[in-house]
Amino acid sequence: MTPIRLISWALGLVAFSLVGCQGSGDKAPPAGDQSGAAAPAPPKPGPVSLNGAGATFPYPLYSKWMSEYNTLHPDIMINYQSIGSGGGIRQITAKTVDFGATDAPMNADEESKAPAKLIHIPTTIGAVAVVFNVPGVTELELAPEALVGIYQGTITKWNDKKITETNAAAKLPATPIVVAYRSDGSGTTAVFTDYLAKVSPDWKDKVGVGKSIKWPVGLGAKGNEGVTEQVKRTPGAIGYVELAYAITNSLTTAALKNASGKFVKPDIAAVTAAASGVEMPDTLTVSITNATGDGVYPISSFTYLLVYQDAPDATKGKALANFVWWAVHDGQKLSEPLHYAPLPAPVVAKVEAKLKTLSSGGKPLLSET
């Protein structure tokens, strides 16, 4: 055999051997054959990422919840943008987030614009604290007419009679009052103006209630964070922020005269008292401002997550439903350390029933709960 033919014959033999080996590797071992390698385990599902946006009111608590839940469930990542209730409603309406958050329930017009039916889920209860920065004054009691007058612009100095008559011991100066309010679409504003409208027909008729209103007087700031900073750095200022922001930023809070004629400061007990007698309707939305009871803080409120009744994505829908179930159960123990009040047991029971109705493609999301 010539050298060239010998090389060709050798290459052909190698090629035949490689094809034979490849073919035998493609065949599964016969049934019951224990000599073959075990089949690889199916791959684990990748991380589920949920995006939400909305209310700044519950942000300190939501941030803690999402961090804790990720520690328990590393494959679930929840991102939340604290942009205000109005922004949260707009984003879930535009389908740019998986869930929204608001302190003020969606109105009929907002619901009509939603891409699908949205459910309000109450998650916690907080207080809208009236905070002030008056040098030398550490205690302040405000009757409804005084607070309304300040925000209507009819009371402009700290030594106005309607303020001094309930603060005889305080040395209130004849300095201008600098009013701070939320400039963005805000559930905190909706709660605050809901209270002002309940205690003042004049406010209700001339100014009104809402997430965004035309303020008679004052300077606007974005978010609870913005109002907090404005009051903190401005002598003579007064503003309204969620209690957690007031406490963590060492702002001084006013005691407000409630519907029972008692001056009460915002704290967990006073917020709990405001919600204790509430009858939560099937919509899971209710106002608890200006509630009756000696120990009630009058500007208290539930805050809500907005979730799809029928989730467009089953995997995300189930992850979100499981998170919310955890939040209204185990997550409630984290409320008080962050200055929110846990949900009352009757409200939790109603939330449980509502969560069990959530679905995706008509199939329940919490069938195994």
Foldseek 3Di string as FASTA:
>chain_A
DDPVVVVVVVVVVVVVVVVVVVVVVVDDDPPPDPPDDDDDDPDDDAADEFEAEAAPQCVVLVVVLQVVVCVVPVSYHYYYYHFAHVVRLVCQLVVVGQKYKAQDDDDPVSQVSRPAHKAWAFQFKFFWFKFAAAPQDQAFEAELVRVLCVQLVVDFAQVPPNGCVVVVPGDGDRDTAAEEEAQDQHNSQQLVLVQNVVVDVVCCVPWRGGSDTDTNDHDHFHHLVGSLVVRVPDHNYIYIHIPLSCVVSVTRTYFYQALQRETEGDAQVQLCVLCVPDDQDLSRADRSARPDDRSHRRRMGTMTMIHHLARQDLVNLLVVLVSSLCSLPVVQVVARVSGIYHDDPVSNVSSVVSSQSRHHPRHGSPPPD
